[in-house]
N, C-alpha and C. Protein backbone atom coordinates (compact mmCIF):
# COMPACT_ATOMS: atom_id res chain seq x y z
N MET A 1 19.21 14.75 -7.07
CA MET A 1 19.49 14.81 -6.10
C MET A 1 20.37 15.88 -5.01
N LYS A 2 20.94 16.27 -5.98
CA LYS A 2 21.87 17.90 -5.53
C LYS A 2 21.31 18.72 -5.37
N ARG A 3 20.42 19.18 -6.07
CA ARG A 3 19.34 20.42 -5.66
C ARG A 3 18.81 20.05 -4.47
N MET A 4 18.05 19.11 -4.34
CA MET A 4 17.38 18.27 -3.11
C MET A 4 18.06 18.49 -1.93
N ALA A 5 19.23 18.36 -2.08
CA ALA A 5 19.95 18.50 -0.58
C ALA A 5 20.30 20.06 -0.28
N LYS A 6 20.25 20.74 -1.10
CA LYS A 6 20.48 22.34 -1.13
C LYS A 6 19.00 22.82 -0.44
N LYS A 7 18.30 22.28 -0.74
CA LYS A 7 16.76 22.49 0.14
C LYS A 7 16.60 22.80 1.52
N SER A 8 16.12 23.52 2.42
CA SER A 8 15.77 23.27 3.72
C SER A 8 14.83 22.32 4.16
N LYS A 9 14.80 21.32 4.90
CA LYS A 9 13.83 20.62 5.50
C LYS A 9 12.48 21.54 5.79
N ALA A 10 12.67 22.73 6.52
CA ALA A 10 11.22 23.83 6.59
C ALA A 10 10.52 24.59 4.99
N THR A 11 11.38 24.33 4.01
CA THR A 11 11.36 24.63 2.95
C THR A 11 10.57 23.32 1.69
N ILE A 12 10.87 22.14 2.58
CA ILE A 12 10.40 20.67 1.75
C ILE A 12 9.17 20.64 2.36
N GLN A 13 8.96 20.92 3.88
CA GLN A 13 7.73 20.88 4.26
C GLN A 13 6.48 21.47 4.01
N VAL A 14 6.74 23.15 3.42
CA VAL A 14 6.03 23.72 2.81
C VAL A 14 5.24 23.33 1.42
N LYS A 15 6.15 22.74 0.93
CA LYS A 15 5.95 21.58 -0.75
C LYS A 15 5.18 20.79 -0.41
N ALA A 16 5.29 20.13 1.07
CA ALA A 16 4.67 19.15 1.14
C ALA A 16 3.05 19.58 1.17
N ALA A 17 3.06 20.44 2.24
CA ALA A 17 1.89 20.91 2.77
C ALA A 17 0.77 21.21 1.47
N TRP A 18 1.41 21.46 0.29
CA TRP A 18 0.94 22.15 -1.04
C TRP A 18 0.79 21.18 -1.49
N ILE A 19 1.38 20.12 -1.64
CA ILE A 19 1.23 18.94 -2.88
C ILE A 19 -0.41 18.27 -1.73
N LEU A 20 -0.39 18.07 -0.61
CA LEU A 20 -1.49 17.28 0.25
C LEU A 20 -2.65 18.04 0.04
N GLN A 21 -2.53 19.43 -0.29
CA GLN A 21 -3.49 20.51 -0.69
C GLN A 21 -4.39 19.73 -1.86
N GLU A 22 -3.29 19.92 -2.57
CA GLU A 22 -3.29 19.84 -4.28
C GLU A 22 -4.06 18.22 -4.60
N LEU A 23 -3.43 17.16 -3.77
CA LEU A 23 -4.22 15.99 -4.34
C LEU A 23 -5.37 16.11 -3.37
N ASP A 24 -5.20 16.01 -2.46
CA ASP A 24 -6.93 16.37 -1.35
C ASP A 24 -8.02 17.02 -2.77
N GLU A 25 -7.75 18.02 -3.22
CA GLU A 25 -8.41 18.13 -4.43
C GLU A 25 -8.85 17.88 -5.47
N LEU A 26 -7.92 16.90 -5.43
CA LEU A 26 -8.31 16.19 -7.09
C LEU A 26 -9.37 14.70 -6.78
N TYR A 27 -8.46 14.24 -5.53
CA TYR A 27 -8.96 13.17 -4.98
C TYR A 27 -9.48 12.85 -4.22
N PRO A 28 -10.73 13.80 -3.85
CA PRO A 28 -11.36 13.81 -2.63
C PRO A 28 -12.18 12.03 -2.04
N GLN A 29 -12.35 11.46 -2.67
CA GLN A 29 -12.86 10.43 -2.35
C GLN A 29 -11.79 9.24 -2.55
N THR A 30 -10.80 9.35 -2.51
CA THR A 30 -9.49 8.70 -2.58
C THR A 30 -9.80 7.19 -1.52
N LYS A 31 -9.58 6.18 -1.91
CA LYS A 31 -9.31 5.11 -0.71
C LYS A 31 -8.74 3.89 -1.43
N THR A 32 -8.41 2.41 -0.91
CA THR A 32 -7.78 1.71 -1.49
C THR A 32 -8.58 0.84 -2.71
N ALA A 33 -7.81 0.64 -3.73
CA ALA A 33 -8.97 -0.12 -4.79
C ALA A 33 -8.97 -1.47 -4.92
N LEU A 34 -8.55 -2.13 -3.73
CA LEU A 34 -8.95 -3.41 -3.16
C LEU A 34 -10.27 -3.46 -2.44
N ASP A 35 -11.07 -4.52 -3.00
CA ASP A 35 -12.16 -4.57 -2.64
C ASP A 35 -12.30 -5.90 -1.59
N TRP A 36 -12.85 -5.32 0.01
CA TRP A 36 -12.52 -6.29 0.83
C TRP A 36 -13.98 -6.20 1.51
N GLU A 37 -14.01 -6.98 2.36
CA GLU A 37 -15.41 -6.51 3.46
C GLU A 37 -14.97 -6.63 5.15
N THR A 38 -14.06 -7.57 5.12
CA THR A 38 -13.38 -7.81 6.58
C THR A 38 -11.60 -7.57 6.52
N PRO A 39 -11.17 -7.39 7.94
CA PRO A 39 -9.75 -7.21 8.23
C PRO A 39 -8.79 -8.51 7.39
N PHE A 40 -9.41 -9.71 7.43
CA PHE A 40 -8.82 -11.07 7.06
C PHE A 40 -8.85 -11.00 5.57
N GLN A 41 -9.78 -10.58 5.11
CA GLN A 41 -9.95 -10.42 3.33
C GLN A 41 -8.92 -8.98 2.93
N LEU A 42 -9.24 -8.00 3.87
CA LEU A 42 -8.05 -6.80 2.97
C LEU A 42 -6.82 -7.34 2.99
N LEU A 43 -6.28 -8.05 4.41
CA LEU A 43 -5.10 -8.45 4.58
C LEU A 43 -4.46 -10.10 3.36
N VAL A 44 -5.21 -10.35 2.86
CA VAL A 44 -5.02 -11.26 2.20
C VAL A 44 -5.44 -10.92 0.47
N ALA A 45 -6.21 -9.91 0.16
CA ALA A 45 -5.68 -9.40 -0.87
C ALA A 45 -4.48 -8.44 -0.92
N THR A 46 -4.42 -8.03 0.25
CA THR A 46 -3.07 -7.06 -0.13
C THR A 46 -1.64 -7.94 0.00
N ILE A 47 -1.84 -9.30 0.29
CA ILE A 47 -0.65 -10.26 -0.14
C ILE A 47 -0.62 -10.67 -1.32
N LEU A 48 -1.29 -11.08 -2.18
CA LEU A 48 -2.08 -10.96 -3.18
C LEU A 48 -1.69 -9.89 -4.31
N SER A 49 -1.70 -8.63 -3.80
CA SER A 49 -1.52 -7.86 -4.18
C SER A 49 -0.06 -7.32 -4.94
N ALA A 50 0.88 -8.27 -4.02
CA ALA A 50 2.38 -8.07 -4.23
C ALA A 50 2.75 -7.98 -5.89
N GLN A 51 3.42 -7.20 -6.57
CA GLN A 51 3.69 -7.55 -8.41
C GLN A 51 2.50 -8.01 -9.02
N CYS A 52 1.39 -7.73 -8.90
CA CYS A 52 0.18 -7.55 -9.18
C CYS A 52 -0.77 -6.42 -9.11
N THR A 53 -1.47 -6.14 -10.24
CA THR A 53 -2.36 -5.08 -10.02
C THR A 53 -3.76 -5.16 -9.47
N ASP A 54 -4.15 -4.36 -8.51
CA ASP A 54 -5.01 -4.42 -7.75
C ASP A 54 -6.99 -4.88 -8.71
N LYS A 55 -6.70 -4.42 -10.16
CA LYS A 55 -7.67 -4.92 -10.75
C LYS A 55 -7.48 -6.17 -10.76
N ARG A 56 -6.51 -7.02 -11.32
CA ARG A 56 -6.50 -8.37 -11.39
C ARG A 56 -7.14 -8.98 -9.79
N VAL A 57 -6.40 -8.71 -8.55
CA VAL A 57 -6.80 -9.05 -7.42
C VAL A 57 -8.21 -8.89 -7.18
N ASN A 58 -8.67 -7.80 -7.78
CA ASN A 58 -10.37 -8.07 -7.25
C ASN A 58 -11.03 -9.10 -8.07
N MET A 59 -10.51 -9.44 -9.40
CA MET A 59 -11.18 -10.75 -10.12
C MET A 59 -11.06 -11.75 -9.39
N VAL A 60 -10.07 -12.08 -8.71
CA VAL A 60 -10.04 -12.94 -8.26
C VAL A 60 -10.40 -13.48 -6.63
N THR A 61 -10.53 -12.46 -6.13
CA THR A 61 -10.98 -12.89 -4.39
C THR A 61 -12.63 -12.74 -4.31
N PRO A 62 -13.21 -12.49 -5.17
CA PRO A 62 -14.65 -13.18 -5.02
C PRO A 62 -14.83 -14.26 -4.89
N LEU A 63 -14.11 -15.20 -6.02
CA LEU A 63 -14.37 -16.73 -5.72
C LEU A 63 -13.96 -17.32 -4.39
N LEU A 64 -12.44 -16.42 -4.49
CA LEU A 64 -11.49 -17.04 -3.38
C LEU A 64 -12.40 -16.79 -1.82
N PHE A 65 -12.98 -15.74 -1.91
CA PHE A 65 -13.42 -15.04 -0.40
C PHE A 65 -15.10 -16.37 -0.17
N SER A 66 -15.31 -16.66 -1.74
CA SER A 66 -16.66 -17.62 -0.92
C SER A 66 -16.41 -19.00 -1.00
N ARG A 67 -15.01 -19.60 -1.26
CA ARG A 67 -14.74 -20.36 -0.88
C ARG A 67 -14.10 -20.49 0.35
N TRP A 68 -13.50 -19.80 0.53
CA TRP A 68 -12.54 -19.65 2.14
C TRP A 68 -13.01 -18.27 2.62
N PRO A 69 -13.81 -17.81 3.36
CA PRO A 69 -14.13 -16.21 3.59
C PRO A 69 -13.35 -15.69 5.13
N ASP A 70 -12.88 -16.64 6.00
CA ASP A 70 -12.31 -15.88 6.91
C ASP A 70 -11.07 -17.12 7.24
N ALA A 71 -10.31 -16.38 8.23
CA ALA A 71 -8.87 -17.63 8.67
C ALA A 71 -9.74 -19.05 8.80
N LYS A 72 -10.68 -19.05 9.90
CA LYS A 72 -10.70 -20.40 9.96
C LYS A 72 -11.10 -21.24 8.60
N ALA A 73 -11.82 -20.86 7.83
CA ALA A 73 -11.84 -21.51 6.56
C ALA A 73 -10.53 -21.98 5.94
N MET A 74 -9.98 -20.81 5.88
CA MET A 74 -8.50 -20.60 4.88
C MET A 74 -7.73 -21.60 5.58
N ALA A 75 -7.56 -21.67 6.82
CA ALA A 75 -6.49 -22.26 7.77
C ALA A 75 -6.88 -24.02 7.22
N LYS A 76 -7.96 -24.34 6.85
CA LYS A 76 -8.50 -25.59 6.05
C LYS A 76 -7.99 -26.01 4.98
N ALA A 77 -7.75 -24.54 4.22
CA ALA A 77 -7.82 -25.36 2.96
C ALA A 77 -6.53 -25.69 2.14
N ASN A 78 -6.51 -26.78 1.02
CA ASN A 78 -5.47 -27.72 0.78
C ASN A 78 -5.01 -26.62 -0.16
N GLN A 79 -3.20 -26.59 -0.13
CA GLN A 79 -2.76 -25.58 -0.60
C GLN A 79 -2.40 -25.72 -1.70
N GLU A 80 -2.76 -26.91 -2.38
CA GLU A 80 -2.67 -26.80 -4.41
C GLU A 80 -3.93 -26.75 -4.88
N ASP A 81 -5.33 -26.57 -3.80
CA ASP A 81 -6.38 -25.66 -4.39
C ASP A 81 -6.41 -24.23 -4.58
N LEU A 82 -5.81 -23.77 -3.20
CA LEU A 82 -5.49 -22.59 -2.72
C LEU A 82 -4.64 -21.83 -3.97
N GLU A 83 -3.45 -22.28 -4.61
CA GLU A 83 -2.32 -22.45 -5.57
C GLU A 83 -2.97 -22.11 -6.58
N GLU A 84 -4.11 -22.90 -7.29
CA GLU A 84 -4.99 -22.81 -8.41
C GLU A 84 -5.83 -21.56 -8.26
N ALA A 85 -6.67 -21.19 -7.07
CA ALA A 85 -7.19 -20.13 -7.12
C ALA A 85 -6.55 -18.83 -7.39
N VAL A 86 -5.13 -18.57 -6.64
CA VAL A 86 -4.73 -17.11 -6.94
C VAL A 86 -3.73 -17.46 -7.93
N ARG A 87 -3.62 -18.13 -8.93
CA ARG A 87 -2.65 -18.60 -9.44
C ARG A 87 -2.35 -17.22 -10.74
N SER A 88 -3.52 -16.61 -10.84
CA SER A 88 -3.04 -15.45 -12.04
C SER A 88 -3.03 -14.17 -11.41
N THR A 89 -2.58 -14.33 -10.10
CA THR A 89 -1.58 -12.83 -9.08
C THR A 89 -0.39 -13.37 -9.73
N GLY A 90 0.50 -13.84 -10.15
CA GLY A 90 1.34 -14.35 -9.83
C GLY A 90 2.18 -14.70 -8.55
N PHE A 91 3.44 -15.50 -8.72
CA PHE A 91 4.23 -16.00 -7.71
C PHE A 91 3.00 -16.49 -6.67
N PHE A 92 2.30 -17.57 -7.39
CA PHE A 92 1.22 -18.17 -6.72
C PHE A 92 1.54 -19.24 -5.75
N ARG A 93 2.38 -20.09 -5.82
CA ARG A 93 3.09 -20.91 -4.94
C ARG A 93 3.47 -20.07 -3.75
N ASN A 94 3.89 -19.09 -3.89
CA ASN A 94 4.42 -18.48 -2.46
C ASN A 94 3.28 -17.82 -1.52
N LYS A 95 2.55 -16.97 -2.26
CA LYS A 95 1.28 -16.23 -1.87
C LYS A 95 0.61 -17.59 -1.20
N ALA A 96 -0.07 -18.49 -2.08
CA ALA A 96 -0.95 -19.37 -1.32
C ALA A 96 0.56 -20.09 -0.12
N LYS A 97 1.31 -20.19 0.07
CA LYS A 97 1.88 -20.89 1.13
C LYS A 97 1.67 -19.64 2.20
N ASN A 98 2.05 -18.54 2.22
CA ASN A 98 2.06 -17.31 2.84
C ASN A 98 0.78 -17.20 3.40
N ILE A 99 -0.42 -17.08 2.87
CA ILE A 99 -1.87 -17.22 2.76
C ILE A 99 -2.18 -18.31 3.57
N LEU A 100 -1.91 -19.20 3.53
CA LEU A 100 -2.22 -20.59 4.32
C LEU A 100 -1.78 -20.24 5.75
N GLY A 101 -0.52 -20.21 5.84
CA GLY A 101 0.35 -20.12 6.90
C GLY A 101 -0.26 -18.64 8.14
N THR A 102 -0.60 -17.49 7.14
CA THR A 102 -0.59 -16.42 7.80
C THR A 102 -2.42 -17.29 8.66
N ALA A 103 -3.48 -17.81 8.13
CA ALA A 103 -4.57 -17.96 8.55
C ALA A 103 -4.36 -19.02 9.32
N LYS A 104 -3.49 -19.96 9.51
CA LYS A 104 -3.36 -21.08 10.71
C LYS A 104 -2.91 -19.86 11.48
N ARG A 105 -1.67 -19.38 11.85
CA ARG A 105 -1.39 -18.22 12.91
C ARG A 105 -2.60 -17.27 13.23
N ILE A 106 -3.00 -16.85 12.34
CA ILE A 106 -3.91 -15.89 12.85
C ILE A 106 -5.39 -17.16 14.05
N LEU A 107 -5.41 -18.07 13.34
CA LEU A 107 -6.66 -19.10 13.68
C LEU A 107 -5.93 -19.34 15.09
N GLU A 108 -4.39 -19.90 15.31
CA GLU A 108 -3.63 -20.41 16.62
C GLU A 108 -3.41 -19.07 17.43
N THR A 109 -3.50 -18.00 17.21
CA THR A 109 -2.35 -17.25 17.67
C THR A 109 -3.47 -15.95 18.65
N HIS A 110 -4.22 -15.81 17.65
CA HIS A 110 -5.11 -14.67 17.74
C HIS A 110 -6.78 -14.74 17.52
N ASN A 111 -7.10 -16.23 17.79
CA ASN A 111 -8.53 -16.57 17.70
C ASN A 111 -9.21 -16.32 16.64
N GLY A 112 -8.36 -16.41 15.69
CA GLY A 112 -9.03 -16.39 14.10
C GLY A 112 -9.41 -14.44 14.12
N GLU A 113 -8.99 -14.03 14.70
CA GLU A 113 -9.35 -12.22 14.17
C GLU A 113 -7.77 -11.50 13.92
N VAL A 114 -8.08 -10.94 12.83
CA VAL A 114 -6.67 -10.31 12.51
C VAL A 114 -6.26 -8.74 13.82
N PRO A 115 -4.93 -9.25 14.35
CA PRO A 115 -4.45 -8.50 14.98
C PRO A 115 -4.44 -6.85 14.37
N ASP A 116 -4.34 -6.05 15.86
CA ASP A 116 -4.30 -4.66 15.01
C ASP A 116 -2.90 -3.74 15.27
N GLU A 117 -1.88 -4.77 15.61
CA GLU A 117 -0.79 -4.26 16.14
C GLU A 117 0.43 -4.59 14.74
N MET A 118 1.05 -3.31 14.84
CA MET A 118 2.06 -3.83 13.75
C MET A 118 3.50 -4.82 13.88
N ASN A 119 3.29 -5.19 15.10
CA ASN A 119 4.38 -6.10 15.66
C ASN A 119 4.00 -7.38 15.12
N ALA A 120 2.59 -7.64 15.84
CA ALA A 120 1.81 -8.84 15.49
C ALA A 120 1.58 -9.16 14.10
N LEU A 121 1.22 -8.06 13.22
CA LEU A 121 0.95 -8.37 11.65
C LEU A 121 2.39 -8.72 11.18
N THR A 122 3.28 -8.10 11.20
CA THR A 122 4.74 -8.73 10.39
C THR A 122 4.99 -10.11 10.98
N ASP A 123 4.79 -10.52 12.11
CA ASP A 123 5.25 -11.51 12.53
C ASP A 123 4.44 -12.55 11.79
N LEU A 124 3.06 -12.48 10.94
CA LEU A 124 2.54 -13.61 9.96
C LEU A 124 3.50 -13.47 8.87
N PRO A 125 2.96 -14.58 8.17
CA PRO A 125 4.01 -15.33 7.26
C PRO A 125 3.80 -14.50 5.94
N GLY A 126 4.78 -13.81 5.10
CA GLY A 126 4.73 -13.06 4.23
C GLY A 126 4.20 -11.47 4.45
N VAL A 127 4.14 -11.13 5.61
CA VAL A 127 3.47 -9.81 6.11
C VAL A 127 4.54 -8.82 6.33
N ALA A 128 4.62 -8.02 5.20
CA ALA A 128 5.74 -7.07 5.81
C ALA A 128 5.54 -5.69 6.24
N ARG A 129 6.53 -4.81 6.27
CA ARG A 129 5.42 -3.18 6.96
C ARG A 129 4.67 -2.71 6.01
N LYS A 130 4.89 -2.69 4.84
CA LYS A 130 3.97 -2.23 3.71
C LYS A 130 2.40 -3.08 3.75
N THR A 131 2.57 -3.95 3.96
CA THR A 131 1.17 -4.67 4.27
C THR A 131 1.06 -4.24 5.51
N ALA A 132 1.11 -4.17 6.79
CA ALA A 132 0.82 -4.05 7.91
C ALA A 132 0.37 -2.59 7.74
N ASN A 133 0.79 -1.89 7.49
CA ASN A 133 0.62 -0.17 7.20
C ASN A 133 -1.11 -0.07 6.87
N CYS A 134 -1.02 -1.38 5.51
CA CYS A 134 -2.44 -1.25 4.72
C CYS A 134 -3.62 -1.67 5.58
N VAL A 135 -3.02 -2.69 6.19
CA VAL A 135 -4.42 -3.13 6.75
C VAL A 135 -4.39 -2.40 8.64
N LEU A 136 -3.67 -1.89 8.87
CA LEU A 136 -3.95 -1.07 10.06
C LEU A 136 -4.42 0.09 9.99
N GLY A 137 -4.47 0.97 8.85
CA GLY A 137 -4.76 1.92 8.30
C GLY A 137 -6.30 1.81 7.67
N THR A 138 -6.38 1.12 6.57
CA THR A 138 -7.62 0.91 5.81
C THR A 138 -8.46 0.26 7.02
N ALA A 139 -8.29 -1.22 7.57
CA ALA A 139 -8.93 -1.53 7.91
C ALA A 139 -9.43 -1.50 9.60
N PHE A 140 -8.43 -0.52 10.23
CA PHE A 140 -8.62 -0.40 11.44
C PHE A 140 -8.28 0.75 12.03
N GLY A 141 -8.08 1.95 10.93
CA GLY A 141 -8.00 3.50 10.98
C GLY A 141 -6.85 3.98 11.76
N LYS A 142 -5.97 3.05 12.18
CA LYS A 142 -4.95 3.22 12.96
C LYS A 142 -3.77 4.06 12.19
N LYS A 143 -3.06 5.05 12.30
CA LYS A 143 -2.12 5.75 11.79
C LYS A 143 -1.28 5.64 12.53
N GLU A 144 -0.17 4.78 11.76
CA GLU A 144 1.01 4.24 12.50
C GLU A 144 2.15 3.96 11.74
N GLY A 145 2.34 4.47 10.50
CA GLY A 145 3.10 4.44 9.24
C GLY A 145 2.31 4.81 7.86
N ILE A 146 2.94 4.79 7.07
CA ILE A 146 2.56 5.08 5.32
C ILE A 146 2.75 4.07 4.33
N VAL A 147 1.96 3.74 3.82
CA VAL A 147 2.36 2.35 3.11
C VAL A 147 3.10 2.80 1.69
N VAL A 148 4.26 2.47 1.32
CA VAL A 148 5.08 3.04 0.30
C VAL A 148 5.16 1.54 -0.69
N ASP A 149 4.38 2.13 -1.93
CA ASP A 149 4.14 0.91 -3.01
C ASP A 149 5.32 2.14 -3.78
N THR A 150 5.08 0.83 -4.98
CA THR A 150 6.20 1.72 -6.03
C THR A 150 5.94 2.96 -6.62
N HIS A 151 4.31 3.41 -6.67
CA HIS A 151 3.84 4.46 -7.25
C HIS A 151 4.17 5.40 -5.86
N VAL A 152 4.06 5.54 -4.76
CA VAL A 152 4.27 6.42 -3.78
C VAL A 152 6.07 6.62 -3.53
N GLY A 153 6.40 5.84 -3.84
CA GLY A 153 8.00 5.75 -3.89
C GLY A 153 8.38 7.00 -5.46
N ARG A 154 7.60 6.74 -6.10
CA ARG A 154 8.30 7.37 -7.41
C ARG A 154 7.59 8.51 -7.43
N LEU A 155 6.52 8.95 -6.75
CA LEU A 155 6.55 10.33 -6.99
C LEU A 155 6.69 11.03 -5.80
N ALA A 156 7.32 10.93 -4.29
CA ALA A 156 8.18 11.42 -3.95
C ALA A 156 9.34 11.91 -4.46
N ARG A 157 10.30 10.91 -5.06
CA ARG A 157 11.48 11.08 -5.45
C ARG A 157 11.06 12.53 -6.39
N ARG A 158 10.47 11.85 -7.15
CA ARG A 158 10.02 12.92 -8.46
C ARG A 158 9.75 14.25 -8.04
N MET A 159 8.60 14.42 -6.99
CA MET A 159 8.61 15.82 -6.21
C MET A 159 9.55 16.82 -5.26
N GLY A 160 10.86 15.56 -5.14
CA GLY A 160 11.81 15.97 -4.41
C GLY A 160 11.70 16.35 -2.80
N LEU A 161 10.57 15.26 -2.38
CA LEU A 161 10.30 15.03 -1.03
C LEU A 161 11.65 13.95 -0.58
N THR A 162 12.31 13.06 -1.10
CA THR A 162 13.05 12.41 -0.75
C THR A 162 13.81 11.61 -1.72
N PRO A 163 15.52 11.31 -1.45
CA PRO A 163 16.39 10.92 -2.36
C PRO A 163 16.19 9.77 -2.49
N GLU A 164 15.56 9.07 -1.21
CA GLU A 164 15.71 7.73 -1.16
C GLU A 164 14.85 6.63 -1.83
N LYS A 165 15.76 5.16 -2.26
CA LYS A 165 14.82 4.65 -3.03
C LYS A 165 14.31 3.57 -1.91
N ASP A 166 14.87 3.18 -0.68
CA ASP A 166 14.44 2.27 -0.02
C ASP A 166 13.35 2.40 0.33
N PRO A 167 12.28 1.45 0.54
CA PRO A 167 10.74 1.85 1.40
C PRO A 167 10.89 2.41 2.31
N ILE A 168 11.47 1.51 3.35
CA ILE A 168 11.45 2.06 4.48
C ILE A 168 11.93 3.76 5.45
N LYS A 169 13.12 3.73 4.42
CA LYS A 169 13.47 5.17 4.33
C LYS A 169 12.73 6.23 3.72
N VAL A 170 11.79 5.91 2.57
CA VAL A 170 10.95 6.49 2.13
C VAL A 170 9.92 6.89 3.09
N GLU A 171 9.52 6.18 3.74
CA GLU A 171 8.26 6.35 4.68
C GLU A 171 8.69 7.35 5.55
N ARG A 172 9.82 6.83 6.19
CA ARG A 172 10.34 7.45 7.33
C ARG A 172 10.69 9.16 6.94
N ALA A 173 11.22 9.28 5.73
CA ALA A 173 10.83 10.56 5.42
C ALA A 173 9.48 11.22 5.39
N LEU A 174 8.42 10.47 4.50
CA LEU A 174 7.37 11.16 4.26
C LEU A 174 6.61 11.51 5.77
N MET A 175 6.90 10.44 6.76
CA MET A 175 6.31 10.13 8.16
C MET A 175 6.23 11.90 8.67
N GLU A 176 8.01 12.30 8.19
CA GLU A 176 8.48 13.50 9.26
C GLU A 176 8.10 14.71 8.05
N LEU A 177 7.39 14.46 7.21
CA LEU A 177 7.29 16.07 6.34
C LEU A 177 5.25 15.95 6.42
N PHE A 178 4.49 14.86 6.46
CA PHE A 178 3.68 14.99 6.22
C PHE A 178 2.54 14.78 7.80
N PRO A 179 1.99 15.27 8.48
CA PRO A 179 1.30 15.56 9.47
C PRO A 179 0.71 13.95 9.56
N GLN A 180 0.43 13.28 10.84
CA GLN A 180 0.15 12.01 11.10
C GLN A 180 -1.23 11.97 10.64
N ASP A 181 -2.43 12.59 10.80
CA ASP A 181 -3.83 12.40 10.51
C ASP A 181 -4.07 12.50 8.77
N SER A 182 -2.85 12.49 8.05
CA SER A 182 -2.97 12.53 7.00
C SER A 182 -1.93 10.85 6.43
N TRP A 183 -1.66 10.76 7.18
CA TRP A 183 -1.14 9.36 6.82
C TRP A 183 -1.59 8.36 5.73
N ILE A 184 -2.81 7.54 6.51
CA ILE A 184 -3.41 6.61 5.73
C ILE A 184 -3.87 6.69 4.30
N ARG A 185 -4.96 8.51 4.43
CA ARG A 185 -4.80 8.92 2.93
C ARG A 185 -4.20 9.22 2.30
N LEU A 186 -2.67 9.56 2.57
CA LEU A 186 -1.73 10.09 1.75
C LEU A 186 -1.21 9.00 0.83
N SER A 187 -0.54 7.74 1.33
CA SER A 187 -0.66 6.80 0.31
C SER A 187 -1.91 6.61 -1.10
N HIS A 188 -3.04 6.45 -0.47
CA HIS A 188 -4.26 6.23 -1.38
C HIS A 188 -4.15 7.65 -2.53
N LEU A 189 -3.54 8.49 -2.10
CA LEU A 189 -3.60 9.76 -2.91
C LEU A 189 -2.46 10.15 -3.94
N PHE A 190 -1.53 9.55 -3.51
CA PHE A 190 0.11 9.24 -4.22
C PHE A 190 -0.12 8.23 -5.36
N ILE A 191 -1.02 7.10 -4.66
CA ILE A 191 -1.24 6.00 -5.92
C ILE A 191 -1.93 6.58 -6.70
N ASP A 192 -3.24 7.29 -6.66
CA ASP A 192 -4.45 7.69 -7.91
C ASP A 192 -3.69 8.30 -8.09
N HIS A 193 -2.65 9.41 -7.95
CA HIS A 193 -2.46 10.33 -8.66
C HIS A 193 -0.95 9.70 -9.79
N GLY A 194 -0.40 8.69 -9.04
CA GLY A 194 0.77 8.10 -10.03
C GLY A 194 -0.03 6.93 -10.97
N ARG A 195 -0.90 6.77 -10.93
CA ARG A 195 -1.83 5.63 -11.64
C ARG A 195 -2.25 6.22 -13.06
N ALA A 196 -3.14 7.74 -12.53
CA ALA A 196 -3.55 8.59 -13.47
C ALA A 196 -2.78 9.35 -14.23
N VAL A 197 -1.60 9.81 -13.59
CA VAL A 197 -1.35 11.06 -14.39
C VAL A 197 0.10 10.95 -14.20
N CYS A 198 0.87 10.09 -13.14
CA CYS A 198 2.42 10.09 -13.04
C CYS A 198 2.82 8.60 -13.35
N PRO A 199 2.90 7.78 -14.09
CA PRO A 199 2.90 6.72 -14.04
C PRO A 199 4.81 6.28 -14.36
N ALA A 200 5.27 5.32 -14.38
CA ALA A 200 6.61 5.38 -14.35
C ALA A 200 7.45 5.90 -16.13
N ARG A 201 6.41 5.35 -16.63
CA ARG A 201 6.85 5.99 -18.26
C ARG A 201 5.86 6.93 -18.68
N LYS A 202 6.08 7.75 -19.36
CA LYS A 202 5.02 8.67 -20.17
C LYS A 202 4.48 9.01 -19.36
N ALA A 203 5.08 9.94 -18.52
CA ALA A 203 4.27 10.62 -17.45
C ALA A 203 3.71 11.96 -18.06
N LYS A 204 2.30 12.33 -17.45
CA LYS A 204 1.38 13.28 -18.42
C LYS A 204 1.75 14.84 -17.84
N CYS A 205 3.02 14.96 -17.69
CA CYS A 205 3.71 15.94 -17.27
C CYS A 205 2.45 17.84 -17.12
N GLU A 206 2.55 17.46 -18.47
CA GLU A 206 1.61 18.75 -19.09
C GLU A 206 0.33 18.58 -18.64
N GLU A 207 -0.29 18.07 -17.85
CA GLU A 207 -1.86 17.78 -17.31
C GLU A 207 -1.74 17.57 -16.13
N CYS A 208 -0.58 17.22 -15.33
CA CYS A 208 -0.20 17.46 -13.77
C CYS A 208 -0.44 18.91 -13.07
N SER A 209 -1.08 18.95 -12.06
CA SER A 209 -1.12 20.06 -11.42
C SER A 209 -0.34 20.58 -9.90
N LEU A 210 0.59 19.06 -10.34
CA LEU A 210 1.74 19.25 -9.52
C LEU A 210 3.18 19.74 -10.47
N ALA A 211 3.27 20.00 -11.66
CA ALA A 211 4.40 20.06 -12.40
C ALA A 211 5.09 21.18 -11.90
N LYS A 212 5.07 22.12 -11.85
CA LYS A 212 5.80 23.49 -11.19
C LYS A 212 6.24 23.23 -10.20
N SER A 213 6.27 22.21 -8.81
CA SER A 213 6.92 21.81 -8.03
C SER A 213 7.84 20.39 -7.91
N CYS A 214 7.72 20.01 -9.21
CA CYS A 214 8.12 18.45 -9.62
C CYS A 214 9.55 18.81 -9.91
N ASP A 215 10.42 17.83 -9.10
CA ASP A 215 12.15 17.93 -10.03
C ASP A 215 12.10 17.39 -11.30
N LYS A 216 11.32 16.58 -11.32
CA LYS A 216 11.60 15.47 -12.49
C LYS A 216 11.38 16.46 -13.68
N ILE A 217 10.76 17.87 -13.82
CA ILE A 217 10.56 18.19 -15.12
C ILE A 217 11.42 19.51 -15.12
N LEU A 218 11.94 20.11 -13.45
CA LEU A 218 12.32 21.38 -13.60
C LEU A 218 14.06 21.06 -14.17
């Protein structure tokens, strides 16, 4: 962190531009790993992905959405049935409660349609800024922020882009470094690289094309 503090913002911006170029070349087809067909399904899948792998969520959502495909249907679900349907994603009681509450709020306040504004999304039960950014960017193509999950935060720190650990502060730092037209795909790129090459443990530094600029191994 001390080394990073000595770097000028301009120097870090040059590094950020290079990182984006490298990741774009490595993962040209990057996109969310969650399976979805409608904004509501993406919203629910993202809520379920908290403390759970996307792979596990994708195993749960086909049956879930076959029973309750939209907000109108989900709002009528029995909470215990919903809890059982999402049990394997962990924290299932809280997730079921939030999904049910969100479905009802969308039905009552937004005519059954997922809102496409940050304030309206974060007003929904269980929807914080990360989830809202995911839905706004992926479902609506709105570049209002950057999704910061554990992969994004870890890579941002390892690559010397920010020393921050708070997701909101990490997001703010990345938004200052990367052009707005890259914000949606940036999180997908970081997540892809975090999963494939730079996990929390046993990072494959010898295989990493970003290694020469990574503070982790400098």
